[in-house]
Protein backbone atom coordinates (compact mmCIF):
# COMPACT_ATOMS: atom_id res chain seq x y z
CA MET A 1 46.74 -66.43 -35.11
CA ILE A 2 45.54 -68.23 -32.00
CA LYS A 3 47.57 -66.06 -29.83
CA LYS A 4 46.29 -62.81 -31.39
CA THR A 5 42.67 -63.89 -30.99
CA PHE A 6 43.28 -64.90 -27.34
CA LEU A 7 44.91 -61.60 -26.67
CA ILE A 8 41.91 -59.41 -28.23
CA THR A 9 39.35 -61.69 -26.39
CA ALA A 10 41.26 -60.93 -23.07
CA ILE A 11 41.33 -57.23 -23.73
CA CYS A 12 37.60 -57.33 -24.71
CA ILE A 13 36.66 -59.19 -21.37
CA THR A 14 38.95 -57.14 -19.09
CA PHE A 15 38.17 -53.54 -20.54
CA PRO A 16 34.50 -53.49 -19.24
CA MET A 17 35.41 -55.24 -15.95
CA THR A 18 37.93 -52.67 -15.41
CA LEU A 19 35.62 -49.76 -15.96
CA HIS A 20 33.06 -51.37 -13.70
CA ALA A 21 35.49 -51.87 -11.17
CA GLU A 22 36.22 -48.19 -10.99
CA LYS A 23 32.71 -47.56 -9.89
CA ALA A 24 31.65 -47.35 -6.22
CA ARG A 25 28.22 -49.14 -5.75
CA PHE A 26 26.13 -46.85 -3.45
CA VAL A 27 22.82 -47.63 -1.39
CA VAL A 28 20.66 -44.59 -0.47
CA THR A 29 18.19 -45.51 2.11
CA ASP A 30 15.22 -43.45 2.66
CA PHE A 31 15.76 -40.89 5.20
CA ARG A 32 14.00 -40.86 8.57
CA GLY A 33 11.49 -38.03 9.13
CA ILE A 34 11.49 -36.05 12.39
CA GLY A 35 8.80 -33.60 12.58
CA VAL A 36 8.20 -33.50 8.89
CA PRO A 37 6.01 -35.78 6.64
CA ALA A 38 7.43 -39.15 5.53
CA ALA A 39 6.87 -37.79 1.75
CA THR A 40 9.46 -34.96 2.51
CA SER A 41 12.13 -37.06 3.95
CA VAL A 42 11.72 -39.63 1.10
CA SER A 43 11.75 -36.86 -1.43
CA VAL A 44 15.01 -35.66 -0.03
CA SER A 45 16.49 -39.12 -0.41
CA GLU A 46 15.53 -39.30 -3.94
CA MET A 47 17.18 -35.88 -4.71
CA ILE A 48 20.43 -37.34 -3.33
CA ARG A 49 20.02 -40.44 -5.54
CA THR A 50 19.49 -38.15 -8.52
CA GLU A 51 22.67 -35.95 -7.75
CA LEU A 52 24.63 -39.17 -7.25
CA SER A 53 23.42 -40.56 -10.53
CA ASN A 54 25.39 -37.84 -12.30
CA TYR A 55 28.69 -38.91 -10.69
CA ARG A 56 30.70 -41.13 -13.12
CA LYS A 57 32.40 -43.06 -10.26
CA ILE A 58 29.41 -43.94 -8.76
CA GLU A 59 26.74 -46.65 -9.43
CA ILE A 60 23.44 -46.11 -7.64
CA VAL A 61 21.41 -49.20 -6.47
CA GLU A 62 17.84 -48.69 -7.94
CA LYS A 63 15.29 -47.77 -5.19
CA TYR A 64 12.94 -50.68 -6.10
CA ARG A 65 15.85 -53.09 -5.32
CA VAL A 66 16.53 -51.21 -1.86
CA ASP A 67 12.72 -51.55 -1.21
CA ALA A 68 12.86 -55.24 -1.98
CA VAL A 69 15.60 -55.89 0.57
CA PHE A 70 13.85 -54.22 3.22
CA LYS A 71 10.46 -56.07 2.55
CA GLU A 72 12.62 -59.26 2.61
CA ILE A 73 13.99 -58.49 6.08
CA ALA A 74 10.90 -57.20 7.29
CA PHE A 75 12.47 -53.91 8.44
CA GLN A 76 11.02 -50.25 7.91
CA GLN A 77 13.41 -48.39 5.64
CA THR A 78 13.01 -45.25 7.09
CA GLY A 79 14.22 -46.68 10.62
CA CYS A 80 17.48 -47.63 9.08
CA THR A 81 19.69 -44.82 10.51
CA ASN A 82 22.44 -46.89 12.32
CA THR A 83 25.78 -48.43 11.22
CA GLU A 84 24.49 -52.04 11.83
CA CYS A 85 21.62 -51.82 9.49
CA ALA A 86 23.57 -49.91 6.78
CA VAL A 87 26.08 -52.69 6.67
CA LYS A 88 23.46 -55.33 6.51
CA VAL A 89 21.41 -53.79 3.68
CA GLY A 90 24.70 -52.66 1.75
CA THR A 91 25.94 -56.38 2.05
CA LEU A 92 22.63 -57.87 0.80
CA LEU A 93 22.71 -55.56 -2.23
CA GLU A 94 26.46 -56.07 -2.94
CA ALA A 95 27.30 -52.39 -2.44
CA ASN A 96 30.54 -50.61 -1.29
CA LYS A 97 28.79 -47.78 0.57
CA THR A 98 25.46 -46.88 2.24
CA ILE A 99 23.95 -43.61 2.97
CA VAL A 100 21.78 -43.20 6.01
CA GLY A 101 20.08 -40.05 7.52
CA THR A 102 17.41 -37.92 8.82
CA VAL A 103 15.42 -34.92 7.66
CA THR A 104 14.32 -32.85 10.90
CA LYS A 105 12.28 -29.76 11.38
CA PHE A 106 12.98 -27.70 14.42
CA ASP A 107 10.68 -24.48 14.68
CA SER A 108 11.16 -23.16 10.90
CA THR A 109 14.62 -24.87 10.41
CA TYR A 110 15.03 -27.82 8.11
CA ILE A 111 18.06 -29.98 9.04
CA ILE A 112 19.38 -32.84 6.66
CA SER A 113 21.94 -35.01 8.60
CA GLY A 114 23.50 -38.16 7.24
CA ARG A 115 26.49 -40.37 7.15
CA LEU A 116 28.30 -42.43 4.39
CA ILE A 117 29.26 -45.89 5.62
CA ASP A 118 31.76 -48.40 4.32
CA VAL A 119 29.90 -51.70 4.00
CA ARG A 120 33.08 -53.70 4.44
CA THR A 121 34.58 -52.14 7.37
CA GLY A 122 31.53 -50.50 8.74
CA ALA A 123 33.37 -47.02 9.24
CA VAL A 124 32.00 -43.76 8.78
CA ASP A 125 33.68 -42.36 5.73
CA ALA A 126 31.93 -39.00 5.77
CA SER A 127 29.05 -37.19 7.59
CA ARG A 128 27.31 -33.92 6.79
CA THR A 129 24.47 -31.61 8.11
CA GLU A 130 22.73 -29.09 6.18
CA LYS A 131 20.27 -26.35 7.36
CA VAL A 132 17.65 -24.24 5.74
CA THR A 133 14.80 -22.17 6.80
CA SER A 134 12.27 -22.99 4.43
CA GLU A 135 11.04 -26.22 2.69
CA ASN A 136 11.90 -24.56 -0.59
CA GLY A 137 15.63 -24.93 0.36
CA LEU A 138 15.67 -28.51 0.86
CA ILE A 139 16.41 -29.09 -3.01
CA ALA A 140 19.77 -26.83 -2.72
CA ALA A 141 20.52 -28.37 0.66
CA ALA A 142 20.22 -32.00 -0.79
CA ARG A 143 22.55 -30.97 -3.50
CA SER A 144 25.08 -29.40 -1.06
CA PHE A 145 24.88 -32.49 1.13
CA THR A 146 25.57 -34.84 -1.76
CA GLU A 147 28.51 -32.73 -2.89
CA SER A 148 30.05 -32.64 0.54
CA ILE A 149 29.51 -36.35 1.50
CA ALA A 150 30.49 -37.71 -1.96
CA LYS A 151 33.19 -35.27 -3.00
CA GLU A 152 35.91 -37.85 -3.29
CA TYR A 153 33.72 -39.60 -6.18
CA LYS A 154 33.20 -36.39 -8.15
CA SER A 155 35.29 -35.73 -11.25
CA GLU A 156 35.26 -32.49 -13.54
CA GLU A 157 33.35 -34.31 -16.11
CA ASP A 158 30.34 -34.84 -14.04
CA ILE A 159 27.05 -33.16 -14.85
CA SER A 160 25.25 -31.91 -12.02
CA THR A 161 21.95 -30.25 -11.81
CA GLU A 162 23.47 -27.27 -10.30
CA LYS A 163 23.78 -25.97 -13.77
CA TYR A 164 19.95 -25.97 -13.64
CA PRO A 165 19.11 -25.10 -10.15
CA LEU A 166 15.63 -25.88 -9.61
CA GLU A 167 14.88 -23.69 -6.81
CA ASP A 168 16.09 -20.73 -9.18
CA ILE A 169 13.69 -21.78 -11.81
CA ASN A 170 10.66 -22.77 -9.80
CA PRO A 171 10.77 -22.32 -5.85
CA ALA A 172 7.04 -22.84 -5.75
CA ASN A 173 6.88 -19.61 -3.74
CA HIS A 174 3.51 -18.15 -3.47
CA ASP A 175 3.19 -15.27 -0.75
CA LEU A 176 -0.26 -14.17 0.51
CA ILE A 177 0.50 -11.07 2.64
CA LEU A 178 -1.81 -9.37 5.02
CA SER A 179 -0.36 -6.15 6.84
CA LEU A 180 -1.31 -3.17 8.87
CA GLY A 181 0.57 0.15 8.30
CA TYR A 182 0.84 3.40 10.15
CA ASP A 183 1.88 6.78 8.43
CA VAL A 184 5.04 8.32 9.93
CA TRP A 185 4.97 11.36 7.72
CA ALA A 186 1.89 12.53 5.33
CA GLN A 187 1.38 15.64 3.12
CA HIS A 188 -1.65 16.91 1.03
CA VAL A 189 -0.88 19.15 -1.76
CA TYR A 190 -4.21 20.68 -3.25
CA THR A 191 -3.74 22.70 -6.68
CA ARG A 192 -6.23 25.28 -7.61
CA MET A 193 -6.40 26.41 -11.19
CA GLU A 194 -6.49 30.17 -10.46
CA SER A 195 -4.44 30.30 -7.05
CA GLY A 196 -1.70 27.55 -7.25
CA ASP A 197 -0.80 24.96 -4.73
CA ILE A 198 -1.87 24.81 -1.20
CA GLU A 199 0.18 22.49 1.07
CA THR A 200 -1.59 21.03 4.10
CA ASP A 201 -0.63 18.52 6.67
CA VAL A 202 -2.74 15.50 7.25
CA ASN A 203 -3.42 13.64 10.42
CA LYS A 204 -1.72 10.40 10.45
CA SER A 205 -3.78 7.34 10.18
CA TYR A 206 -3.64 3.50 9.55
CA SER A 207 -3.89 1.55 6.22
CA GLY A 208 -4.81 -2.18 5.55
CA SER A 209 -3.31 -4.11 2.70
CA ILE A 210 -3.60 -7.48 1.21
CA SER A 211 -1.19 -8.82 -1.80
CA TYR A 212 -0.20 -11.70 -3.37
CA ILE A 213 3.14 -12.45 -5.00
CA TYR A 214 4.37 -15.17 -7.05
CA SER A 215 8.02 -15.86 -7.41
CA PRO A 216 8.78 -18.09 -10.52
CA PHE A 217 12.55 -17.28 -9.80
CA LYS A 218 14.57 -17.31 -6.63
CA TYR A 219 15.14 -13.64 -6.47
CA PHE A 220 12.34 -12.13 -8.35
CA GLY A 221 8.56 -12.11 -7.90
CA PHE A 222 5.56 -10.33 -9.15
CA GLY A 223 1.95 -9.82 -8.13
CA ALA A 224 -1.03 -7.48 -7.26
CA GLY A 225 -2.52 -6.01 -4.28
CA VAL A 226 -5.10 -3.51 -2.95
CA THR A 227 -4.72 -1.16 0.24
CA LEU A 228 -7.55 0.53 2.07
CA GLN A 229 -6.20 3.77 3.52
CA PHE A 230 -8.35 4.68 6.24
CA PRO A 231 -10.04 8.06 6.37
CA ARG A 232 -7.40 10.90 6.99
CA LYS A 233 -8.29 14.46 8.31
CA VAL A 234 -6.73 17.60 6.92
CA LYS A 235 -5.35 19.78 9.53
CA ASP A 236 -6.49 23.26 10.08
CA THR A 237 -9.92 22.49 8.44
CA VAL A 238 -13.28 22.14 10.17
CA GLU A 239 -13.99 18.41 8.93
CA ALA A 240 -12.29 17.74 5.61
CA GLN A 241 -11.12 14.22 5.34
CA PHE A 242 -10.63 11.72 2.48
CA SER A 243 -9.93 8.12 2.01
CA ILE A 244 -7.78 6.27 -0.95
CA THR A 245 -8.15 2.70 -2.16
CA PRO A 246 -5.20 2.09 -4.61
CA VAL A 247 -5.15 -1.18 -6.57
CA TYR A 248 -1.79 -1.92 -8.00
CA GLY A 249 0.73 -4.28 -9.68
CA ILE A 250 3.85 -5.24 -7.70
CA LEU A 251 7.59 -6.11 -8.70
CA ARG A 252 9.87 -7.40 -5.78
CA ALA A 253 13.53 -8.42 -5.86
CA LYS A 254 14.69 -10.29 -2.82
CA LEU A 255 18.01 -11.81 -1.34
CA PRO A 256 17.09 -14.86 0.64
CA GLN A 257 19.33 -15.29 3.69
CA LYS A 258 19.27 -17.78 6.39
CA ASP A 259 16.76 -16.56 8.92
CA TYR A 260 15.70 -13.26 6.93
CA CYS A 261 14.92 -12.28 3.46
CA PRO A 262 15.75 -8.52 2.68
CA TYR A 263 13.84 -7.10 -0.32
CA ILE A 264 13.08 -4.00 -2.49
CA ILE A 265 9.61 -3.62 -3.66
CA GLY A 266 7.75 -1.40 -6.21
CA GLN A 267 4.13 -0.71 -6.56
CA ALA A 268 2.15 1.07 -9.43
CA GLY A 269 -1.62 1.35 -10.24
CA TYR A 270 -4.81 3.38 -9.91
CA ASN A 271 -6.29 4.89 -6.89
CA ASN A 272 -9.83 5.86 -6.06
CA PHE A 273 -10.13 9.05 -4.12
CA GLY A 274 -13.48 9.38 -2.23
CA ASP A 275 -15.44 10.70 0.96
CA THR A 276 -14.07 14.17 0.84
CA LYS A 277 -15.98 16.52 3.01
CA GLU A 278 -16.62 20.20 3.18
CA TYR A 279 -13.97 22.24 4.88
CA ALA A 280 -13.15 25.91 5.55
CA ASN A 281 -10.19 27.01 3.41
CA THR A 282 -7.47 28.91 5.08
CA ARG A 283 -7.67 31.45 2.47
CA GLY A 284 -11.32 32.34 3.13
CA GLY A 285 -14.66 31.14 1.87
CA THR A 286 -16.15 27.59 1.63
CA LEU A 287 -14.93 24.87 -0.60
CA GLU A 288 -16.73 21.85 -1.74
CA ILE A 289 -14.65 19.04 -3.23
CA GLY A 290 -15.80 15.91 -5.19
CA MET A 291 -19.10 14.13 -4.06
CA ASN A 292 -20.16 17.32 -2.18
CA ALA A 293 -20.06 19.36 -4.97
CA ASP A 294 -21.62 17.42 -8.14
CA GLY A 295 -20.45 14.10 -7.50
CA ASN A 296 -17.79 14.13 -10.12
CA HIS A 297 -14.30 13.14 -8.62
CA HIS A 298 -11.79 11.09 -10.20
CA GLY A 299 -8.92 8.88 -9.04
CA GLY A 300 -5.47 8.81 -10.59
CA LEU A 301 -1.99 7.33 -10.68
CA TYR A 302 -0.67 5.69 -7.61
CA TYR A 303 2.93 4.49 -7.03
CA GLY A 304 5.08 3.38 -4.29
CA LEU A 305 8.73 2.24 -3.49
CA GLY A 306 10.08 0.63 -0.46
CA VAL A 307 12.37 -1.85 1.32
CA GLY A 308 11.44 -4.45 3.75
CA VAL A 309 12.54 -7.83 5.45
CA ILE A 310 10.92 -10.97 5.81
CA LEU A 311 11.78 -12.97 9.23
CA TYR A 312 11.66 -16.55 9.38
CA ASP A 313 9.34 -16.87 6.30
CA VAL A 314 6.44 -15.43 8.41
CA VAL A 315 6.81 -11.84 9.67
CA LEU A 316 7.08 -8.95 7.41
CA ILE A 317 8.39 -5.49 8.30
CA GLN A 318 8.37 -2.75 5.60
CA ALA A 319 8.88 0.89 4.89
CA MET A 320 7.48 2.66 1.75
CA PHE A 321 7.09 6.09 0.17
CA GLU A 322 3.84 6.37 -1.68
CA GLU A 323 2.10 9.13 -3.95
CA SER A 324 -1.49 9.07 -4.82
CA ARG A 325 -2.88 11.58 -7.42
CA ALA A 326 -6.47 12.62 -8.07
CA THR A 327 -8.59 15.28 -9.98
CA PHE A 328 -11.66 17.00 -8.77
CA GLU A 329 -14.69 18.86 -10.18
CA THR A 330 -14.66 21.84 -7.66
CA GLN A 331 -17.28 24.24 -6.92
CA TYR A 332 -16.29 27.55 -5.02
CA ILE A 333 -18.90 29.24 -2.76
CA GLY A 334 -18.38 32.05 -0.45
CA THR A 335 -17.22 35.68 -0.16
CA GLY A 336 -14.26 36.52 -2.47
CA ALA A 337 -14.52 33.11 -4.04
CA PRO A 338 -15.31 32.71 -7.84
CA TRP A 339 -18.64 31.06 -8.77
CA GLY A 340 -18.55 27.91 -10.95
CA VAL A 341 -16.96 24.58 -11.38
CA LYS A 342 -13.08 24.13 -11.81
CA LYS A 343 -11.20 21.16 -12.36
CA ASP A 344 -8.46 21.00 -9.71
CA SER A 345 -6.05 18.33 -8.69
CA SER A 346 -4.77 16.79 -5.52
CA VAL A 347 -1.58 14.82 -4.50
CA TYR A 348 -1.21 12.99 -1.33
CA ARG A 349 2.25 11.78 -0.24
CA LYS A 350 3.16 9.73 2.77
CA VAL A 351 5.86 7.35 4.20
CA VAL A 352 4.22 4.39 5.78
CA VAL A 353 5.88 1.60 7.96
CA SER A 354 3.79 -1.66 7.95
CA MET A 355 4.05 -5.16 9.71
CA GLY A 356 2.39 -8.13 8.45
CA VAL A 357 2.21 -11.77 8.21
CA VAL A 358 3.08 -13.95 5.09
CA PHE A 359 1.17 -17.23 4.31
């Protein structure tokens, strides 16, 4: 009976000790920031701690204990980037491994660089560098850094936040875009109720746009915008010109790459046709449209479809096909033209190439 009791007691004591011995004790110091705010580099360190905490073979030393040790040795934690400091801190915290590193910003590129150091031998077990082109990418970069530097400690049963990628759910991506476009092709089709379509070419001109796009997901975003299309003169007329101001909703699908981000964009909304002046019609007679007739003019459907690319999260280049529709209360005056007011329609199509700045 005594032997059985002793055996059970020994097993109970040895089993948890064995489980604890299987875990490697890790210290992650706050990474040093170079060209980035201290809050950013400290946040990256915390992301790495969070990722490592999901590894069953790793025990993470709590940050408050790490902070206490640095306070005790009167040393700034973000300055601990060499092997000597990593070994000293790891020894005081009874750890097996220490991770030290830096977060650097060079131009628009963010770089996470770090090393895994063995506390007992001082040897560098692993090192890793990750590069991203925006601050939003630091979450994914920290995860990739962790998986690479501690891959020997990861098992199939580990639960990683990669199943719930934060940058896919909420990358905190808010784009305010200012752009200037120029028509590379334009066509104006005016439809009379009695005589059918009249196709006219339009002198090329500029457009100014402002838009806001919110991306709650990594690859998709939505928003709204307004474009002021500066007055355009209809060719083969005396002084006919018009301007259009569309207000629209936006849907955008993008595919972020390292230094650039291609996308497809669609826009739809309502446009306001205005400021159309009298012009001599090629079929004879004088035609007054819109405000020059009785002031009764109406806008209509606007839509656009295009492709573009954002370079280094700042510069936007875009090409888009757009169509704007309108209706007019029109009065015909002149030889051979019917008297009275008729309701006609107009369609303006163009291909515009734009350049802009993303804030």
